[in-house]
Amino acid sequence: MGDHFATDTDQLGSFLTTLEGCIRDLNEARTALGHVRADQIGTPRLDEACDGFQERWKYGSEQTKKMIDAVGAGVKTNKQAYEEVEKALEQAFKKMAAESTSGGTN
């Protein structure tokens, strides 16, 4: 099972960058919509619908941001853990190689 498992930490880093971009884009869209006031749209019914949409969009985008933040935090933690394991394995292999060439003495 373990011989088929591989983790690309560079790919995890790229994924984190993508998630951060999603959050940035979401915030920019919400900010852009925040400048549009319902009284600029037209009829009272349309104005009311736009106000309702603004509130739902704000709530939905805040919830989406929370979820993206949580996923990003998990990916970041996993990336760091994989990097630490890789570093520890590298050090262990170097130590084993050094000990095998020195005859096992320190």
N, C-alpha and C. Protein backbone atom coordinates (compact mmCIF):
# COMPACT_ATOMS: atom_id res chain seq x y z
N MET A 1 0.82 -1.19 0.00
CA MET A 1 0.00 0.00 0.00
C MET A 1 0.87 1.26 0.00
N GLY A 2 1.89 1.31 0.84
CA GLY A 2 2.73 2.48 0.95
C GLY A 2 3.56 2.76 -0.28
N ASP A 3 3.80 1.74 -1.11
CA ASP A 3 4.62 1.95 -2.29
C ASP A 3 3.89 2.73 -3.38
N HIS A 4 2.59 2.95 -3.23
CA HIS A 4 1.81 3.71 -4.21
C HIS A 4 1.43 5.10 -3.70
N PHE A 5 1.89 5.43 -2.54
CA PHE A 5 1.50 6.71 -1.93
C PHE A 5 2.63 7.72 -2.11
N ALA A 6 2.29 8.87 -2.64
CA ALA A 6 3.28 9.93 -2.82
C ALA A 6 2.59 11.27 -2.58
N THR A 7 3.32 12.18 -1.99
CA THR A 7 2.79 13.52 -1.74
C THR A 7 3.73 14.54 -2.35
N ASP A 8 3.18 15.39 -3.16
CA ASP A 8 3.96 16.45 -3.81
C ASP A 8 3.73 17.74 -3.01
N THR A 9 4.70 18.10 -2.18
CA THR A 9 4.53 19.28 -1.33
C THR A 9 4.50 20.56 -2.15
N ASP A 10 5.15 20.57 -3.31
CA ASP A 10 5.06 21.74 -4.18
C ASP A 10 3.63 21.92 -4.69
N GLN A 11 2.97 20.80 -4.98
CA GLN A 11 1.58 20.86 -5.43
C GLN A 11 0.67 21.36 -4.30
N LEU A 12 0.96 20.94 -3.07
CA LEU A 12 0.19 21.46 -1.93
C LEU A 12 0.38 22.96 -1.80
N GLY A 13 1.60 23.43 -2.01
CA GLY A 13 1.87 24.87 -1.98
C GLY A 13 1.09 25.61 -3.05
N SER A 14 1.04 25.04 -4.25
CA SER A 14 0.26 25.65 -5.33
C SER A 14 -1.23 25.70 -4.99
N PHE A 15 -1.71 24.64 -4.37
CA PHE A 15 -3.11 24.60 -3.96
C PHE A 15 -3.40 25.69 -2.93
N LEU A 16 -2.47 25.89 -1.99
CA LEU A 16 -2.65 26.96 -1.01
C LEU A 16 -2.72 28.32 -1.70
N THR A 17 -1.86 28.54 -2.68
CA THR A 17 -1.87 29.80 -3.42
C THR A 17 -3.21 29.99 -4.13
N THR A 18 -3.74 28.91 -4.70
CA THR A 18 -5.04 28.97 -5.37
C THR A 18 -6.15 29.32 -4.37
N LEU A 19 -6.12 28.69 -3.19
CA LEU A 19 -7.13 29.00 -2.17
C LEU A 19 -7.04 30.45 -1.74
N GLU A 20 -5.83 30.96 -1.55
CA GLU A 20 -5.66 32.36 -1.17
C GLU A 20 -6.20 33.28 -2.25
N GLY A 21 -6.00 32.90 -3.52
CA GLY A 21 -6.54 33.68 -4.63
C GLY A 21 -8.06 33.68 -4.64
N CYS A 22 -8.65 32.54 -4.29
CA CYS A 22 -10.11 32.45 -4.21
C CYS A 22 -10.66 33.42 -3.16
N ILE A 23 -10.01 33.45 -2.02
CA ILE A 23 -10.45 34.36 -0.95
C ILE A 23 -10.32 35.80 -1.41
N ARG A 24 -9.21 36.12 -2.05
CA ARG A 24 -8.99 37.49 -2.54
C ARG A 24 -10.06 37.86 -3.56
N ASP A 25 -10.34 36.96 -4.51
CA ASP A 25 -11.36 37.23 -5.54
C ASP A 25 -12.74 37.40 -4.93
N LEU A 26 -13.05 36.56 -3.96
CA LEU A 26 -14.34 36.63 -3.28
C LEU A 26 -14.49 37.97 -2.57
N ASN A 27 -13.46 38.40 -1.89
CA ASN A 27 -13.51 39.69 -1.19
C ASN A 27 -13.63 40.85 -2.18
N GLU A 28 -12.92 40.77 -3.30
CA GLU A 28 -13.00 41.84 -4.30
C GLU A 28 -14.41 41.92 -4.90
N ALA A 29 -15.01 40.76 -5.17
CA ALA A 29 -16.37 40.76 -5.72
C ALA A 29 -17.36 41.35 -4.73
N ARG A 30 -17.21 40.98 -3.47
CA ARG A 30 -18.12 41.51 -2.45
C ARG A 30 -17.93 43.01 -2.29
N THR A 31 -16.70 43.48 -2.34
CA THR A 31 -16.42 44.91 -2.23
C THR A 31 -17.02 45.66 -3.42
N ALA A 32 -16.86 45.10 -4.61
CA ALA A 32 -17.41 45.75 -5.81
C ALA A 32 -18.93 45.84 -5.73
N LEU A 33 -19.57 44.77 -5.27
CA LEU A 33 -21.02 44.80 -5.14
C LEU A 33 -21.47 45.73 -4.02
N GLY A 34 -20.62 45.91 -3.03
CA GLY A 34 -20.97 46.77 -1.91
C GLY A 34 -21.12 48.22 -2.31
N HIS A 35 -20.52 48.60 -3.43
CA HIS A 35 -20.60 49.99 -3.89
C HIS A 35 -21.89 50.25 -4.67
N VAL A 36 -22.57 49.20 -5.06
CA VAL A 36 -23.82 49.36 -5.80
C VAL A 36 -24.95 49.44 -4.79
N ARG A 37 -25.63 50.56 -4.77
CA ARG A 37 -26.75 50.76 -3.86
C ARG A 37 -28.04 50.45 -4.58
N ALA A 38 -28.96 49.90 -3.85
CA ALA A 38 -30.24 49.49 -4.44
C ALA A 38 -30.97 50.67 -5.06
N ASP A 39 -30.85 51.84 -4.48
CA ASP A 39 -31.60 52.98 -5.02
C ASP A 39 -31.04 53.46 -6.36
N GLN A 40 -29.95 52.87 -6.80
CA GLN A 40 -29.37 53.22 -8.10
C GLN A 40 -29.89 52.29 -9.21
N ILE A 41 -30.57 51.24 -8.85
CA ILE A 41 -30.95 50.22 -9.81
C ILE A 41 -32.20 50.61 -10.58
N GLY A 42 -33.26 50.98 -9.88
CA GLY A 42 -34.49 51.31 -10.61
C GLY A 42 -35.72 51.27 -9.74
N THR A 43 -36.59 50.35 -10.04
CA THR A 43 -37.89 50.29 -9.37
C THR A 43 -37.75 49.86 -7.92
N PRO A 44 -38.72 50.24 -7.07
CA PRO A 44 -38.66 49.84 -5.65
C PRO A 44 -38.58 48.32 -5.48
N ARG A 45 -39.31 47.58 -6.31
CA ARG A 45 -39.29 46.11 -6.19
C ARG A 45 -37.90 45.56 -6.53
N LEU A 46 -37.29 46.10 -7.57
CA LEU A 46 -35.95 45.68 -7.95
C LEU A 46 -34.94 46.09 -6.88
N ASP A 47 -35.12 47.30 -6.35
CA ASP A 47 -34.23 47.77 -5.27
C ASP A 47 -34.29 46.83 -4.07
N GLU A 48 -35.48 46.41 -3.72
CA GLU A 48 -35.67 45.51 -2.57
C GLU A 48 -35.02 44.15 -2.85
N ALA A 49 -35.19 43.66 -4.06
CA ALA A 49 -34.58 42.37 -4.43
C ALA A 49 -33.05 42.48 -4.37
N CYS A 50 -32.51 43.60 -4.82
CA CYS A 50 -31.06 43.79 -4.79
C CYS A 50 -30.54 43.87 -3.36
N ASP A 51 -31.28 44.55 -2.50
CA ASP A 51 -30.88 44.60 -1.09
C ASP A 51 -30.86 43.21 -0.48
N GLY A 52 -31.88 42.42 -0.79
CA GLY A 52 -31.93 41.05 -0.28
C GLY A 52 -30.78 40.22 -0.79
N PHE A 53 -30.47 40.38 -2.08
CA PHE A 53 -29.34 39.65 -2.65
C PHE A 53 -28.03 40.05 -1.97
N GLN A 54 -27.85 41.34 -1.74
CA GLN A 54 -26.63 41.82 -1.09
C GLN A 54 -26.44 41.15 0.27
N GLU A 55 -27.51 41.06 1.03
CA GLU A 55 -27.41 40.44 2.35
C GLU A 55 -27.08 38.96 2.24
N ARG A 56 -27.75 38.25 1.33
CA ARG A 56 -27.47 36.82 1.16
C ARG A 56 -26.06 36.61 0.63
N TRP A 57 -25.63 37.44 -0.31
CA TRP A 57 -24.28 37.34 -0.88
C TRP A 57 -23.25 37.55 0.22
N LYS A 58 -23.47 38.55 1.04
CA LYS A 58 -22.53 38.84 2.12
C LYS A 58 -22.43 37.63 3.06
N TYR A 59 -23.56 37.10 3.49
CA TYR A 59 -23.55 35.96 4.39
C TYR A 59 -22.89 34.75 3.72
N GLY A 60 -23.29 34.45 2.49
CA GLY A 60 -22.75 33.30 1.78
C GLY A 60 -21.26 33.42 1.55
N SER A 61 -20.80 34.60 1.18
CA SER A 61 -19.37 34.76 0.92
C SER A 61 -18.57 34.68 2.21
N GLU A 62 -19.13 35.15 3.30
CA GLU A 62 -18.44 35.02 4.60
C GLU A 62 -18.33 33.56 5.01
N GLN A 63 -19.40 32.79 4.79
CA GLN A 63 -19.37 31.36 5.12
C GLN A 63 -18.38 30.62 4.21
N THR A 64 -18.37 30.97 2.94
CA THR A 64 -17.44 30.35 2.00
C THR A 64 -16.00 30.67 2.39
N LYS A 65 -15.74 31.90 2.79
CA LYS A 65 -14.40 32.28 3.23
C LYS A 65 -13.97 31.46 4.43
N LYS A 66 -14.88 31.26 5.38
CA LYS A 66 -14.56 30.45 6.56
C LYS A 66 -14.17 29.03 6.16
N MET A 67 -14.93 28.47 5.21
CA MET A 67 -14.63 27.10 4.77
C MET A 67 -13.30 27.03 4.03
N ILE A 68 -13.05 28.01 3.17
CA ILE A 68 -11.78 28.04 2.43
C ILE A 68 -10.62 28.22 3.41
N ASP A 69 -10.80 29.09 4.40
CA ASP A 69 -9.76 29.28 5.42
C ASP A 69 -9.46 27.97 6.15
N ALA A 70 -10.51 27.23 6.50
CA ALA A 70 -10.33 25.96 7.21
C ALA A 70 -9.61 24.94 6.35
N VAL A 71 -9.99 24.83 5.09
CA VAL A 71 -9.31 23.91 4.18
C VAL A 71 -7.86 24.33 4.01
N GLY A 72 -7.64 25.63 3.83
CA GLY A 72 -6.28 26.14 3.67
C GLY A 72 -5.41 25.84 4.88
N ALA A 73 -5.96 26.01 6.07
CA ALA A 73 -5.20 25.73 7.29
C ALA A 73 -4.83 24.25 7.36
N GLY A 74 -5.76 23.39 7.00
CA GLY A 74 -5.49 21.95 7.01
C GLY A 74 -4.42 21.58 5.99
N VAL A 75 -4.52 22.13 4.79
CA VAL A 75 -3.52 21.83 3.75
C VAL A 75 -2.16 22.35 4.19
N LYS A 76 -2.12 23.54 4.77
CA LYS A 76 -0.85 24.11 5.22
C LYS A 76 -0.22 23.23 6.30
N THR A 77 -1.01 22.79 7.24
CA THR A 77 -0.52 21.91 8.31
C THR A 77 0.02 20.61 7.74
N ASN A 78 -0.72 20.02 6.80
CA ASN A 78 -0.28 18.77 6.18
C ASN A 78 1.00 18.98 5.38
N LYS A 79 1.09 20.07 4.66
CA LYS A 79 2.29 20.37 3.87
C LYS A 79 3.50 20.46 4.79
N GLN A 80 3.36 21.19 5.88
CA GLN A 80 4.46 21.32 6.83
C GLN A 80 4.85 19.97 7.43
N ALA A 81 3.86 19.15 7.74
CA ALA A 81 4.15 17.84 8.32
C ALA A 81 4.90 16.96 7.32
N TYR A 82 4.47 16.96 6.06
CA TYR A 82 5.16 16.18 5.04
C TYR A 82 6.60 16.66 4.87
N GLU A 83 6.79 17.97 4.87
CA GLU A 83 8.14 18.52 4.73
C GLU A 83 9.02 18.12 5.91
N GLU A 84 8.46 18.13 7.10
CA GLU A 84 9.23 17.72 8.28
C GLU A 84 9.61 16.24 8.20
N VAL A 85 8.68 15.40 7.73
CA VAL A 85 8.97 13.97 7.59
C VAL A 85 10.07 13.77 6.54
N GLU A 86 9.95 14.47 5.42
CA GLU A 86 10.97 14.35 4.37
C GLU A 86 12.35 14.77 4.89
N LYS A 87 12.39 15.84 5.64
CA LYS A 87 13.66 16.33 6.19
C LYS A 87 14.24 15.31 7.19
N ALA A 88 13.39 14.77 8.05
CA ALA A 88 13.84 13.78 9.03
C ALA A 88 14.35 12.52 8.34
N LEU A 89 13.65 12.09 7.30
CA LEU A 89 14.10 10.91 6.55
C LEU A 89 15.44 11.18 5.87
N GLU A 90 15.58 12.34 5.29
CA GLU A 90 16.84 12.69 4.64
C GLU A 90 17.99 12.66 5.64
N GLN A 91 17.77 13.26 6.81
CA GLN A 91 18.80 13.27 7.84
C GLN A 91 19.12 11.86 8.33
N ALA A 92 18.09 11.03 8.47
CA ALA A 92 18.31 9.65 8.93
C ALA A 92 19.11 8.86 7.90
N PHE A 93 18.79 9.03 6.63
CA PHE A 93 19.53 8.32 5.58
C PHE A 93 20.98 8.80 5.51
N LYS A 94 21.18 10.09 5.67
CA LYS A 94 22.56 10.61 5.66
C LYS A 94 23.35 10.05 6.83
N LYS A 95 22.70 9.99 7.99
CA LYS A 95 23.37 9.45 9.17
C LYS A 95 23.70 7.97 8.97
N MET A 96 22.75 7.20 8.43
CA MET A 96 23.00 5.78 8.17
C MET A 96 24.14 5.61 7.19
N ALA A 97 24.16 6.44 6.14
CA ALA A 97 25.22 6.33 5.14
C ALA A 97 26.57 6.67 5.75
N ALA A 98 26.60 7.69 6.59
CA ALA A 98 27.86 8.07 7.23
C ALA A 98 28.34 6.98 8.16
N GLU A 99 27.43 6.38 8.90
CA GLU A 99 27.81 5.32 9.84
C GLU A 99 28.26 4.05 9.09
N SER A 100 27.65 3.78 7.96
CA SER A 100 28.04 2.57 7.22
C SER A 100 29.42 2.73 6.57
N THR A 101 29.79 3.96 6.23
CA THR A 101 31.12 4.17 5.63
C THR A 101 32.19 4.34 6.69
N SER A 102 31.78 4.64 7.92
CA SER A 102 32.79 4.80 8.99
C SER A 102 32.94 3.54 9.81
N GLY A 103 32.26 2.50 9.44
CA GLY A 103 32.37 1.25 10.17
C GLY A 103 31.52 1.22 11.42
N GLY A 104 30.56 2.10 11.55
CA GLY A 104 29.66 2.08 12.68
C GLY A 104 30.14 2.84 13.89
N THR A 105 31.29 3.51 13.82
CA THR A 105 31.77 4.29 14.96
C THR A 105 31.39 5.74 14.76
N ASN A 106 31.21 6.45 15.85
CA ASN A 106 30.84 7.88 15.78
C ASN A 106 32.03 8.74 15.80
